[in-house]
Amino acid sequence: MLSNRESARRSRMRKQKQLEDLTGETGRLQMAINQIQQSINAKEQAYSQVESANNVLRAQAMELTDRLRSLNSVLQIVEDVSGLSVDIPEIPDPLMKPWQLAYPIQPITASADMFLN
């Protein structure tokens, strides 16, 4: 009977230790979840900023393309009226051949820190 009591006491102690261990693990996992969520929120905010800037750049590119088309039409009229040969540049269509850039490649400077906010 004494042996059974001692065995039951050890069993209760093991269960209590397991419960404490699991409670501690739950706390650590909850902290990790919070850190990951903060990181995700920061990345989403950075993505939104980059997407917004990209939309502005697309709009500017479209506006500049329209201006270039307008200037090319003026050059065409000047060429037709004057009879002089005018070099009218071709307007590149990046949607047709996106891998062929119509402008020189500029290096993109970025640091890994910009994504770790």
PDB file of N, CA and C in Angstrom:
ATOM      1  N   MET A   1       0.839  -1.191   0.000  1.00  0.00           N
ATOM      2  CA  MET A   1       0.000   0.000   0.000  1.00  0.00           C
ATOM      3  C   MET A   1       0.885   1.257   0.000  1.00  0.00           C
ATOM      4  N   LEU A   2       1.929   1.226   0.761  1.00  0.00           N
ATOM      5  CA  LEU A   2       2.848   2.362   0.811  1.00  0.00           C
ATOM      6  C   LEU A   2       3.525   2.550  -0.546  1.00  0.00           C
ATOM      7  N   SER A   3       3.873   1.455  -1.192  1.00  0.00           N
ATOM      8  CA  SER A   3       4.491   1.509  -2.519  1.00  0.00           C
ATOM      9  C   SER A   3       3.522   2.108  -3.537  1.00  0.00           C
ATOM     10  N   ASN A   4       2.242   1.745  -3.456  1.00  0.00           N
ATOM     11  CA  ASN A   4       1.244   2.315  -4.374  1.00  0.00           C
ATOM     12  C   ASN A   4       1.097   3.814  -4.160  1.00  0.00           C
ATOM     13  N   ARG A   5       1.103   4.227  -2.890  1.00  0.00           N
ATOM     14  CA  ARG A   5       0.995   5.674  -2.603  1.00  0.00           C
ATOM     15  C   ARG A   5       2.197   6.413  -3.171  1.00  0.00           C
ATOM     16  N   GLU A   6       3.374   5.862  -2.985  1.00  0.00           N
ATOM     17  CA  GLU A   6       4.589   6.500  -3.500  1.00  0.00           C
ATOM     18  C   GLU A   6       4.554   6.540  -5.034  1.00  0.00           C
ATOM     19  N   SER A   7       4.118   5.483  -5.641  1.00  0.00           N
ATOM     20  CA  SER A   7       4.008   5.438  -7.105  1.00  0.00           C
ATOM     21  C   SER A   7       2.997   6.470  -7.594  1.00  0.00           C
ATOM     22  N   ALA A   8       1.858   6.600  -6.913  1.00  0.00           N
ATOM     23  CA  ALA A   8       0.845   7.585  -7.293  1.00  0.00           C
ATOM     24  C   ALA A   8       1.389   9.003  -7.124  1.00  0.00           C
ATOM     25  N   ARG A   9       2.147   9.211  -6.038  1.00  0.00           N
ATOM     26  CA  ARG A   9       2.735  10.549  -5.810  1.00  0.00           C
ATOM     27  C   ARG A   9       3.723  10.891  -6.924  1.00  0.00           C
ATOM     28  N   ARG A  10       4.568   9.942  -7.308  1.00  0.00           N
ATOM     29  CA  ARG A  10       5.525  10.188  -8.398  1.00  0.00           C
ATOM     30  C   ARG A  10       4.791  10.449  -9.711  1.00  0.00           C
ATOM     31  N   SER A  11       3.720   9.708  -9.923  1.00  0.00           N
ATOM     32  CA  SER A  11       2.916   9.892 -11.138  1.00  0.00           C
ATOM     33  C   SER A  11       2.314  11.294 -11.172  1.00  0.00           C
ATOM     34  N   ARG A  12       1.771  11.734 -10.001  1.00  0.00           N
ATOM     35  CA  ARG A  12       1.208  13.093  -9.945  1.00  0.00           C
ATOM     36  C   ARG A  12       2.291  14.142 -10.172  1.00  0.00           C
ATOM     37  N   MET A  13       3.466  13.925  -9.646  1.00  0.00           N
ATOM     38  CA  MET A  13       4.583  14.869  -9.821  1.00  0.00           C
ATOM     39  C   MET A  13       4.999  14.929 -11.290  1.00  0.00           C
ATOM     40  N   ARG A  14       5.064  13.745 -11.946  1.00  0.00           N
ATOM     41  CA  ARG A  14       5.413  13.727 -13.378  1.00  0.00           C
ATOM     42  C   ARG A  14       4.374  14.482 -14.194  1.00  0.00           C
ATOM     43  N   LYS A  15       3.109  14.254 -13.888  1.00  0.00           N
ATOM     44  CA  LYS A  15       2.041  14.957 -14.609  1.00  0.00           C
ATOM     45  C   LYS A  15       2.119  16.452 -14.357  1.00  0.00           C
ATOM     46  N   GLN A  16       2.405  16.866 -13.122  1.00  0.00           N
ATOM     47  CA  GLN A  16       2.529  18.288 -12.808  1.00  0.00           C
ATOM     48  C   GLN A  16       3.702  18.894 -13.580  1.00  0.00           C
ATOM     49  N   LYS A  17       4.815  18.163 -13.637  1.00  0.00           N
ATOM     50  CA  LYS A  17       5.992  18.641 -14.386  1.00  0.00           C
ATOM     51  C   LYS A  17       5.662  18.755 -15.872  1.00  0.00           C
ATOM     52  N   GLN A  18       4.975  17.752 -16.411  1.00  0.00           N
ATOM     53  CA  GLN A  18       4.574  17.811 -17.822  1.00  0.00           C
ATOM     54  C   GLN A  18       3.670  19.008 -18.080  1.00  0.00           C
ATOM     55  N   LEU A  19       2.741  19.253 -17.174  1.00  0.00           N
ATOM     56  CA  LEU A  19       1.834  20.383 -17.316  1.00  0.00           C
ATOM     57  C   LEU A  19       2.609  21.696 -17.295  1.00  0.00           C
ATOM     58  N   GLU A  20       3.570  21.832 -16.373  1.00  0.00           N
ATOM     59  CA  GLU A  20       4.396  23.043 -16.301  1.00  0.00           C
ATOM     60  C   GLU A  20       5.224  23.212 -17.569  1.00  0.00           C
ATOM     61  N   ASP A  21       5.799  22.115 -18.054  1.00  0.00           N
ATOM     62  CA  ASP A  21       6.586  22.164 -19.294  1.00  0.00           C
ATOM     63  C   ASP A  21       5.719  22.602 -20.482  1.00  0.00           C
ATOM     64  N   LEU A  22       4.535  22.029 -20.572  1.00  0.00           N
ATOM     65  CA  LEU A  22       3.639  22.381 -21.679  1.00  0.00           C
ATOM     66  C   LEU A  22       3.161  23.827 -21.573  1.00  0.00           C
ATOM     67  N   THR A  23       2.926  24.297 -20.345  1.00  0.00           N
ATOM     68  CA  THR A  23       2.526  25.689 -20.149  1.00  0.00           C
ATOM     69  C   THR A  23       3.653  26.631 -20.582  1.00  0.00           C
ATOM     70  N   GLY A  24       4.883  26.288 -20.209  1.00  0.00           N
ATOM     71  CA  GLY A  24       6.040  27.093 -20.633  1.00  0.00           C
ATOM     72  C   GLY A  24       6.201  27.091 -22.140  1.00  0.00           C
ATOM     73  N   GLU A  25       6.051  25.934 -22.743  1.00  0.00           N
ATOM     74  CA  GLU A  25       6.155  25.825 -24.208  1.00  0.00           C
ATOM     75  C   GLU A  25       5.065  26.650 -24.890  1.00  0.00           C
ATOM     76  N   THR A  26       3.863  26.639 -24.312  1.00  0.00           N
ATOM     77  CA  THR A  26       2.762  27.438 -24.865  1.00  0.00           C
ATOM     78  C   THR A  26       3.120  28.916 -24.838  1.00  0.00           C
ATOM     79  N   GLY A  27       3.699  29.367 -23.731  1.00  0.00           N
ATOM     80  CA  GLY A  27       4.115  30.772 -23.634  1.00  0.00           C
ATOM     81  C   GLY A  27       5.172  31.127 -24.666  1.00  0.00           C
ATOM     82  N   ARG A  28       6.168  30.252 -24.824  1.00  0.00           N
ATOM     83  CA  ARG A  28       7.224  30.504 -25.821  1.00  0.00           C
ATOM     84  C   ARG A  28       6.653  30.519 -27.236  1.00  0.00           C
ATOM     85  N   LEU A  29       5.768  29.594 -27.521  1.00  0.00           N
ATOM     86  CA  LEU A  29       5.167  29.557 -28.860  1.00  0.00           C
ATOM     87  C   LEU A  29       4.298  30.790 -29.115  1.00  0.00           C
ATOM     88  N   GLN A  30       3.588  31.242 -28.079  1.00  0.00           N
ATOM     89  CA  GLN A  30       2.755  32.441 -28.239  1.00  0.00           C
ATOM     90  C   GLN A  30       3.626  33.664 -28.518  1.00  0.00           C
ATOM     91  N   MET A  31       4.782  33.760 -27.840  1.00  0.00           N
ATOM     92  CA  MET A  31       5.707  34.870 -28.105  1.00  0.00           C
ATOM     93  C   MET A  31       6.241  34.782 -29.538  1.00  0.00           C
ATOM     94  N   ALA A  32       6.560  33.575 -29.996  1.00  0.00           N
ATOM     95  CA  ALA A  32       7.052  33.403 -31.359  1.00  0.00           C
ATOM     96  C   ALA A  32       5.981  33.791 -32.371  1.00  0.00           C
ATOM     97  N   ILE A  33       4.742  33.421 -32.095  1.00  0.00           N
ATOM     98  CA  ILE A  33       3.627  33.784 -32.985  1.00  0.00           C
ATOM     99  C   ILE A  33       3.495  35.298 -33.062  1.00  0.00           C
ATOM    100  N   ASN A  34       3.597  35.966 -31.918  1.00  0.00           N
ATOM    101  CA  ASN A  34       3.492  37.430 -31.904  1.00  0.00           C
ATOM    102  C   ASN A  34       4.611  38.073 -32.703  1.00  0.00           C
ATOM    103  N   GLN A  35       5.838  37.563 -32.552  1.00  0.00           N
ATOM    104  CA  GLN A  35       6.961  38.114 -33.314  1.00  0.00           C
ATOM    105  C   GLN A  35       6.766  37.890 -34.812  1.00  0.00           C
ATOM    106  N   ILE A  36       6.318  36.712 -35.175  1.00  0.00           N
ATOM    107  CA  ILE A  36       6.086  36.422 -36.594  1.00  0.00           C
ATOM    108  C   ILE A  36       4.980  37.306 -37.148  1.00  0.00           C
ATOM    109  N   GLN A  37       3.936  37.516 -36.371  1.00  0.00           N
ATOM    110  CA  GLN A  37       2.832  38.371 -36.813  1.00  0.00           C
ATOM    111  C   GLN A  37       3.304  39.812 -37.013  1.00  0.00           C
ATOM    112  N   GLN A  38       4.146  40.296 -36.101  1.00  0.00           N
ATOM    113  CA  GLN A  38       4.691  41.642 -36.263  1.00  0.00           C
ATOM    114  C   GLN A  38       5.550  41.727 -37.519  1.00  0.00           C
ATOM    115  N   SER A  39       6.338  40.695 -37.763  1.00  0.00           N
ATOM    116  CA  SER A  39       7.167  40.668 -38.960  1.00  0.00           C
ATOM    117  C   SER A  39       6.309  40.647 -40.224  1.00  0.00           C
ATOM    118  N   ILE A  40       5.246  39.863 -40.200  1.00  0.00           N
ATOM    119  CA  ILE A  40       4.338  39.800 -41.353  1.00  0.00           C
ATOM    120  C   ILE A  40       3.697  41.162 -41.588  1.00  0.00           C
ATOM    121  N   ASN A  41       3.260  41.815 -40.515  1.00  0.00           N
ATOM    122  CA  ASN A  41       2.646  43.137 -40.653  1.00  0.00           C
ATOM    123  C   ASN A  41       3.624  44.146 -41.239  1.00  0.00           C
ATOM    124  N   ALA A  42       4.879  44.100 -40.780  1.00  0.00           N
ATOM    125  CA  ALA A  42       5.895  45.012 -41.313  1.00  0.00           C
ATOM    126  C   ALA A  42       6.136  44.739 -42.797  1.00  0.00           C
ATOM    127  N   LYS A  43       6.186  43.456 -43.171  1.00  0.00           N
ATOM    128  CA  LYS A  43       6.405  43.103 -44.584  1.00  0.00           C
ATOM    129  C   LYS A  43       5.221  43.538 -45.448  1.00  0.00           C
ATOM    130  N   GLU A  44       4.008  43.377 -44.917  1.00  0.00           N
ATOM    131  CA  GLU A  44       2.828  43.804 -45.670  1.00  0.00           C
ATOM    132  C   GLU A  44       2.832  45.315 -45.876  1.00  0.00           C
ATOM    133  N   GLN A  45       3.245  46.043 -44.846  1.00  0.00           N
ATOM    134  CA  GLN A  45       3.307  47.500 -44.970  1.00  0.00           C
ATOM    135  C   GLN A  45       4.369  47.905 -46.001  1.00  0.00           C
ATOM    136  N   ALA A  46       5.543  47.264 -45.932  1.00  0.00           N
ATOM    137  CA  ALA A  46       6.599  47.555 -46.909  1.00  0.00           C
ATOM    138  C   ALA A  46       6.132  47.197 -48.318  1.00  0.00           C
ATOM    139  N   TYR A  47       5.442  46.075 -48.467  1.00  0.00           N
ATOM    140  CA  TYR A  47       4.928  45.665 -49.770  1.00  0.00           C
ATOM    141  C   TYR A  47       3.937  46.701 -50.303  1.00  0.00           C
ATOM    142  N   SER A  48       3.062  47.190 -49.426  1.00  0.00           N
ATOM    143  CA  SER A  48       2.086  48.194 -49.849  1.00  0.00           C
ATOM    144  C   SER A  48       2.774  49.469 -50.317  1.00  0.00           C
ATOM    145  N   GLN A  49       3.828  49.863 -49.614  1.00  0.00           N
ATOM    146  CA  GLN A  49       4.570  51.056 -50.010  1.00  0.00           C
ATOM    147  C   GLN A  49       5.245  50.855 -51.357  1.00  0.00           C
ATOM    148  N   VAL A  50       5.853  49.694 -51.546  1.00  0.00           N
ATOM    149  CA  VAL A  50       6.526  49.415 -52.820  1.00  0.00           C
ATOM    150  C   VAL A  50       5.505  49.330 -53.948  1.00  0.00           C
ATOM    151  N   GLU A  51       4.370  48.696 -53.667  1.00  0.00           N
ATOM    152  CA  GLU A  51       3.326  48.583 -54.685  1.00  0.00           C
ATOM    153  C   GLU A  51       2.792  49.965 -55.065  1.00  0.00           C
ATOM    154  N   SER A  52       2.623  50.824 -54.090  1.00  0.00           N
ATOM    155  CA  SER A  52       2.147  52.185 -54.357  1.00  0.00           C
ATOM    156  C   SER A  52       3.159  52.947 -55.208  1.00  0.00           C
ATOM    157  N   ALA A  53       4.433  52.842 -54.830  1.00  0.00           N
ATOM    158  CA  ALA A  53       5.475  53.513 -55.615  1.00  0.00           C
ATOM    159  C   ALA A  53       5.526  52.947 -57.032  1.00  0.00           C
ATOM    160  N   ASN A  54       5.341  51.642 -57.175  1.00  0.00           N
ATOM    161  CA  ASN A  54       5.341  51.013 -58.489  1.00  0.00           C
ATOM    162  C   ASN A  54       4.172  51.527 -59.337  1.00  0.00           C
ATOM    163  N   ASN A  55       3.007  51.694 -58.727  1.00  0.00           N
ATOM    164  CA  ASN A  55       1.856  52.231 -59.453  1.00  0.00           C
ATOM    165  C   ASN A  55       2.119  53.654 -59.929  1.00  0.00           C
ATOM    166  N   VAL A  56       2.787  54.448 -59.087  1.00  0.00           N
ATOM    167  CA  VAL A  56       3.133  55.816 -59.488  1.00  0.00           C
ATOM    168  C   VAL A  56       4.085  55.771 -60.682  1.00  0.00           C
ATOM    169  N   LEU A  57       5.089  54.898 -60.607  1.00  0.00           N
ATOM    170  CA  LEU A  57       6.047  54.785 -61.705  1.00  0.00           C
ATOM    171  C   LEU A  57       5.377  54.307 -63.000  1.00  0.00           C
ATOM    172  N   ARG A  58       4.435  53.381 -62.881  1.00  0.00           N
ATOM    173  CA  ARG A  58       3.714  52.928 -64.073  1.00  0.00           C
ATOM    174  C   ARG A  58       2.932  54.081 -64.697  1.00  0.00           C
ATOM    175  N   ALA A  59       2.266  54.863 -63.854  1.00  0.00           N
ATOM    176  CA  ALA A  59       1.495  56.000 -64.365  1.00  0.00           C
ATOM    177  C   ALA A  59       2.422  57.007 -65.036  1.00  0.00           C
ATOM    178  N   GLN A  60       3.579  57.252 -64.420  1.00  0.00           N
ATOM    179  CA  GLN A  60       4.540  58.179 -65.021  1.00  0.00           C
ATOM    180  C   GLN A  60       5.061  57.636 -66.348  1.00  0.00           C
ATOM    181  N   ALA A  61       5.319  56.347 -66.412  1.00  0.00           N
ATOM    182  CA  ALA A  61       5.796  55.747 -67.662  1.00  0.00           C
ATOM    183  C   ALA A  61       4.743  55.881 -68.759  1.00  0.00           C
ATOM    184  N   MET A  62       3.479  55.657 -68.394  1.00  0.00           N
ATOM    185  CA  MET A  62       2.412  55.808 -69.384  1.00  0.00           C
ATOM    186  C   MET A  62       2.305  57.262 -69.856  1.00  0.00           C
ATOM    187  N   GLU A  63       2.421  58.199 -68.921  1.00  0.00           N
ATOM    188  CA  GLU A  63       2.351  59.616 -69.284  1.00  0.00           C
ATOM    189  C   GLU A  63       3.507  59.992 -70.199  1.00  0.00           C
ATOM    190  N   LEU A  64       4.712  59.525 -69.868  1.00  0.00           N
ATOM    191  CA  LEU A  64       5.873  59.828 -70.703  1.00  0.00           C
ATOM    192  C   LEU A  64       5.754  59.178 -72.082  1.00  0.00           C
ATOM    193  N   THR A  65       5.183  57.979 -72.140  1.00  0.00           N
ATOM    194  CA  THR A  65       4.967  57.317 -73.429  1.00  0.00           C
ATOM    195  C   THR A  65       3.981  58.117 -74.269  1.00  0.00           C
ATOM    196  N   ASP A  66       2.936  58.618 -73.648  1.00  0.00           N
ATOM    197  CA  ASP A  66       1.969  59.446 -74.378  1.00  0.00           C
ATOM    198  C   ASP A  66       2.632  60.720 -74.892  1.00  0.00           C
ATOM    199  N   ARG A  67       3.476  61.316 -74.057  1.00  0.00           N
ATOM    200  CA  ARG A  67       4.192  62.530 -74.499  1.00  0.00           C
ATOM    201  C   ARG A  67       5.106  62.218 -75.674  1.00  0.00           C
ATOM    202  N   LEU A  68       5.792  61.081 -75.597  1.00  0.00           N
ATOM    203  CA  LEU A  68       6.689  60.694 -76.681  1.00  0.00           C
ATOM    204  C   LEU A  68       5.912  60.451 -77.973  1.00  0.00           C
ATOM    205  N   ARG A  69       4.766  59.805 -77.852  1.00  0.00           N
ATOM    206  CA  ARG A  69       3.933  59.592 -79.046  1.00  0.00           C
ATOM    207  C   ARG A  69       3.511  60.936 -79.646  1.00  0.00           C
ATOM    208  N   SER A  70       3.146  61.865 -78.786  1.00  0.00           N
ATOM    209  CA  SER A  70       2.735  63.185 -79.251  1.00  0.00           C
ATOM    210  C   SER A  70       3.888  63.897 -79.951  1.00  0.00           C
ATOM    211  N   LEU A  71       5.062  63.840 -79.345  1.00  0.00           N
ATOM    212  CA  LEU A  71       6.226  64.475 -79.966  1.00  0.00           C
ATOM    213  C   LEU A  71       6.603  63.785 -81.274  1.00  0.00           C
ATOM    214  N   ASN A  72       6.455  62.477 -81.328  1.00  0.00           N
ATOM    215  CA  ASN A  72       6.739  61.757 -82.575  1.00  0.00           C
ATOM    216  C   ASN A  72       5.761  62.159 -83.677  1.00  0.00           C
ATOM    217  N   SER A  73       4.503  62.378 -83.295  1.00  0.00           N
ATOM    218  CA  SER A  73       3.538  62.811 -84.309  1.00  0.00           C
ATOM    219  C   SER A  73       3.887  64.214 -84.804  1.00  0.00           C
ATOM    220  N   VAL A  74       4.374  65.082 -83.922  1.00  0.00           N
ATOM    221  CA  VAL A  74       4.815  66.419 -84.345  1.00  0.00           C
ATOM    222  C   VAL A  74       6.007  66.290 -85.286  1.00  0.00           C
ATOM    223  N   LEU A  75       6.958  65.409 -84.949  1.00  0.00           N
ATOM    224  CA  LEU A  75       8.107  65.195 -85.827  1.00  0.00           C
ATOM    225  C   LEU A  75       7.673  64.659 -87.186  1.00  0.00           C
ATOM    226  N   GLN A  76       6.684  63.783 -87.184  1.00  0.00           N
ATOM    227  CA  GLN A  76       6.178  63.237 -88.452  1.00  0.00           C
ATOM    228  C   GLN A  76       5.574  64.344 -89.304  1.00  0.00           C
ATOM    229  N   ILE A  77       4.826  65.233 -88.667  1.00  0.00           N
ATOM    230  CA  ILE A  77       4.240  66.368 -89.401  1.00  0.00           C
ATOM    231  C   ILE A  77       5.334  67.272 -89.953  1.00  0.00           C
ATOM    232  N   VAL A  78       6.352  67.559 -89.128  1.00  0.00           N
ATOM    233  CA  VAL A  78       7.468  68.396 -89.581  1.00  0.00           C
ATOM    234  C   VAL A  78       8.157  67.735 -90.763  1.00  0.00           C
ATOM    235  N   GLU A  79       8.345  66.444 -90.697  1.00  0.00           N
ATOM    236  CA  GLU A  79       8.997  65.723 -91.792  1.00  0.00           C
ATOM    237  C   GLU A  79       8.146  65.793 -93.062  1.00  0.00           C
ATOM    238  N   ASP A  80       6.832  65.614 -92.932  1.00  0.00           N
ATOM    239  CA  ASP A  80       5.944  65.653 -94.091  1.00  0.00           C
ATOM    240  C   ASP A  80       5.896  67.040 -94.712  1.00  0.00           C
ATOM    241  N   VAL A  81       5.851  68.074 -93.877  1.00  0.00           N
ATOM    242  CA  VAL A  81       5.711  69.441 -94.380  1.00  0.00           C
ATOM    243  C   VAL A  81       7.020  69.953 -94.960  1.00  0.00           C
ATOM    244  N   SER A  82       8.117  69.731 -94.264  1.00  0.00           N
ATOM    245  CA  SER A  82       9.398  70.295 -94.699  1.00  0.00           C
ATOM    246  C   SER A  82      10.104  69.436 -95.728  1.00  0.00           C
ATOM    247  N   GLY A  83       9.801  68.170 -95.764  1.00  0.00           N
ATOM    248  CA  GLY A  83      10.491  67.277 -96.689  1.00  0.00           C
ATOM    249  C   GLY A  83      11.839  66.834 -96.162  1.00  0.00           C
ATOM    250  N   LEU A  84      12.218  67.309 -94.994  1.00  0.00           N
ATOM    251  CA  LEU A  84      13.490  66.903 -94.406  1.00  0.00           C
ATOM    252  C   LEU A  84      13.325  65.540 -93.730  1.00  0.00           C
ATOM    253  N   SER A  85      14.402  64.817 -93.748  1.00  0.00           N
ATOM    254  CA  SER A  85      14.366  63.512 -93.085  1.00  0.00           C
ATOM    255  C   SER A  85      14.642  63.718 -91.602  1.00  0.00           C
ATOM    256  N   VAL A  86      13.684  63.317 -90.794  1.00  0.00           N
ATOM    257  CA  VAL A  86      13.815  63.471 -89.352  1.00  0.00           C
ATOM    258  C   VAL A  86      13.865  62.071 -88.733  1.00  0.00           C
ATOM    259  N   ASP A  87      14.822  61.888 -87.834  1.00  0.00           N
ATOM    260  CA  ASP A  87      14.950  60.592 -87.165  1.00  0.00           C
ATOM    261  C   ASP A  87      13.904  60.515 -86.055  1.00  0.00           C
ATOM    262  N   ILE A  88      12.886  59.695 -86.284  1.00  0.00           N
ATOM    263  CA  ILE A  88      11.804  59.531 -85.307  1.00  0.00           C
ATOM    264  C   ILE A  88      12.052  58.235 -84.543  1.00  0.00           C
ATOM    265  N   PRO A  89      12.312  58.355 -83.249  1.00  0.00           N
ATOM    266  CA  PRO A  89      12.616  57.137 -82.479  1.00  0.00           C
ATOM    267  C   PRO A  89      11.389  56.247 -82.327  1.00  0.00           C
ATOM    268  N   GLU A  90      11.673  54.960 -82.299  1.00  0.00           N
ATOM    269  CA  GLU A  90      10.596  53.990 -82.112  1.00  0.00           C
ATOM    270  C   GLU A  90      10.221  53.948 -80.634  1.00  0.00           C
ATOM    271  N   ILE A  91       8.951  53.836 -80.375  1.00  0.00           N
ATOM    272  CA  ILE A  91       8.485  53.759 -78.992  1.00  0.00           C
ATOM    273  C   ILE A  91       8.481  52.292 -78.592  1.00  0.00           C
ATOM    274  N   PRO A  92       9.292  51.927 -77.601  1.00  0.00           N
ATOM    275  CA  PRO A  92       9.342  50.522 -77.200  1.00  0.00           C
ATOM    276  C   PRO A  92       8.065  50.127 -76.469  1.00  0.00           C
ATOM    277  N   ASP A  93       7.660  48.898 -76.685  1.00  0.00           N
ATOM    278  CA  ASP A  93       6.493  48.373 -75.987  1.00  0.00           C
ATOM    279  C   ASP A  93       6.978  47.297 -75.021  1.00  0.00           C
ATOM    280  N   PRO A  94       7.109  47.655 -73.746  1.00  0.00           N
ATOM    281  CA  PRO A  94       7.665  46.687 -72.790  1.00  0.00           C
ATOM    282  C   PRO A  94       6.770  45.471 -72.586  1.00  0.00           C
ATOM    283  N   LEU A  95       5.509  45.558 -72.947  1.00  0.00           N
ATOM    284  CA  LEU A  95       4.633  44.411 -72.776  1.00  0.00           C
ATOM    285  C   LEU A  95       4.875  43.348 -73.838  1.00  0.00           C
ATOM    286  N   MET A  96       5.359  43.767 -74.992  1.00  0.00           N
ATOM    287  CA  MET A  96       5.598  42.811 -76.067  1.00  0.00           C
ATOM    288  C   MET A  96       6.870  41.995 -75.823  1.00  0.00           C
ATOM    289  N   LYS A  97       7.937  42.662 -75.353  1.00  0.00           N
ATOM    290  CA  LYS A  97       9.212  41.985 -75.095  1.00  0.00           C
ATOM    291  C   LYS A  97       9.773  42.494 -73.771  1.00  0.00           C
ATOM    292  N   PRO A  98       9.239  42.031 -72.669  1.00  0.00           N
ATOM    293  CA  PRO A  98       9.671  42.579 -71.379  1.00  0.00           C
ATOM    294  C   PRO A  98      11.122  42.253 -71.028  1.00  0.00           C
ATOM    295  N   TRP A  99      11.697  41.233 -71.648  1.00  0.00           N
ATOM    296  CA  TRP A  99      13.070  40.865 -71.338  1.00  0.00           C
ATOM    297  C   TRP A  99      14.065  41.748 -72.078  1.00  0.00           C
ATOM    298  N   GLN A 100      13.606  42.502 -73.086  1.00  0.00           N
ATOM    299  CA  GLN A 100      14.482  43.416 -73.807  1.00  0.00           C
ATOM    300  C   GLN A 100      14.208  44.829 -73.315  1.00  0.00           C
ATOM    301  N   LEU A 101      15.119  45.319 -72.509  1.00  0.00           N
ATOM    302  CA  LEU A 101      14.927  46.640 -71.925  1.00  0.00           C
ATOM    303  C   LEU A 101      15.288  47.721 -72.941  1.00  0.00           C
ATOM    304  N   ALA A 102      14.486  48.756 -73.002  1.00  0.00           N
ATOM    305  CA  ALA A 102      14.717  49.842 -73.950  1.00  0.00           C
ATOM    306  C   ALA A 102      15.632  50.893 -73.347  1.00  0.00           C
ATOM    307  N   TYR A 103      16.128  50.662 -72.176  1.00  0.00           N
ATOM    308  CA  TYR A 103      16.985  51.616 -71.492  1.00  0.00           C
ATOM    309  C   TYR A 103      18.139  50.844 -70.873  1.00  0.00           C
ATOM    310  N   PRO A 104      19.245  51.529 -70.600  1.00  0.00           N
ATOM    311  CA  PRO A 104      20.379  50.807 -70.018  1.00  0.00           C
ATOM    312  C   PRO A 104      20.032  50.287 -68.621  1.00  0.00           C
ATOM    313  N   ILE A 105      20.627  49.193 -68.288  1.00  0.00           N
ATOM    314  CA  ILE A 105      20.364  48.590 -66.988  1.00  0.00           C
ATOM    315  C   ILE A 105      21.072  49.393 -65.914  1.00  0.00           C
ATOM    316  N   GLN A 106      20.304  49.821 -64.928  1.00  0.00           N
ATOM    317  CA  GLN A 106      20.850  50.558 -63.798  1.00  0.00           C
ATOM    318  C   GLN A 106      20.969  49.597 -62.628  1.00  0.00           C
ATOM    319  N   PRO A 107      22.055  49.683 -61.881  1.00  0.00           N
ATOM    320  CA  PRO A 107      22.159  48.797 -60.720  1.00  0.00           C
ATOM    321  C   PRO A 107      21.129  49.196 -59.663  1.00  0.00           C
ATOM    322  N   ILE A 108      20.582  48.207 -59.017  1.00  0.00           N
ATOM    323  CA  ILE A 108      19.611  48.445 -57.957  1.00  0.00           C
ATOM    324  C   ILE A 108      20.351  48.307 -56.636  1.00  0.00           C
ATOM    325  N   THR A 109      20.397  49.393 -55.898  1.00  0.00           N
ATOM    326  CA  THR A 109      21.084  49.349 -54.619  1.00  0.00           C
ATOM    327  C   THR A 109      20.061  49.123 -53.521  1.00  0.00           C
ATOM    328  N   ALA A 110      20.268  48.084 -52.784  1.00  0.00           N
ATOM    329  CA  ALA A 110      19.354  47.766 -51.676  1.00  0.00           C
ATOM    330  C   ALA A 110      20.172  47.037 -50.614  1.00  0.00           C
ATOM    331  N   SER A 111      19.689  47.165 -49.411  1.00  0.00           N
ATOM    332  CA  SER A 111      20.328  46.433 -48.331  1.00  0.00           C
ATOM    333  C   SER A 111      19.318  45.471 -47.748  1.00  0.00           C
ATOM    334  N   ALA A 112      19.825  44.426 -47.134  1.00  0.00           N
ATOM    335  CA  ALA A 112      18.922  43.443 -46.519  1.00  0.00           C
ATOM    336  C   ALA A 112      18.154  44.063 -45.364  1.00  0.00           C
ATOM    337  N   ASP A 113      18.688  45.129 -44.785  1.00  0.00           N
ATOM    338  CA  ASP A 113      18.036  45.769 -43.649  1.00  0.00           C
ATOM    339  C   ASP A 113      16.713  46.418 -44.019  1.00  0.00           C
ATOM    340  N   MET A 114      16.537  46.784 -45.267  1.00  0.00           N
ATOM    341  CA  MET A 114      15.307  47.480 -45.634  1.00  0.00           C
ATOM    342  C   MET A 114      14.070  46.589 -45.509  1.00  0.00           C
ATOM    343  N   PHE A 115      14.254  45.273 -45.449  1.00  0.00           N
ATOM    344  CA  PHE A 115      13.123  44.362 -45.314  1.00  0.00           C
ATOM    345  C   PHE A 115      12.976  43.811 -43.909  1.00  0.00           C
ATOM    346  N   LEU A 116      13.822  44.245 -43.005  1.00  0.00           N
ATOM    347  CA  LEU A 116      13.813  43.684 -41.658  1.00  0.00           C
ATOM    348  C   LEU A 116      13.196  44.625 -40.633  1.00  0.00           C
ATOM    349  N   ASN A 117      12.305  45.471 -41.041  1.00  0.00           N
ATOM    350  CA  ASN A 117      11.686  46.404 -40.088  1.00  0.00           C
ATOM    351  C   ASN A 117      10.755  45.701 -39.160  1.00  0.00           C
TER     352      ASN A 117
END
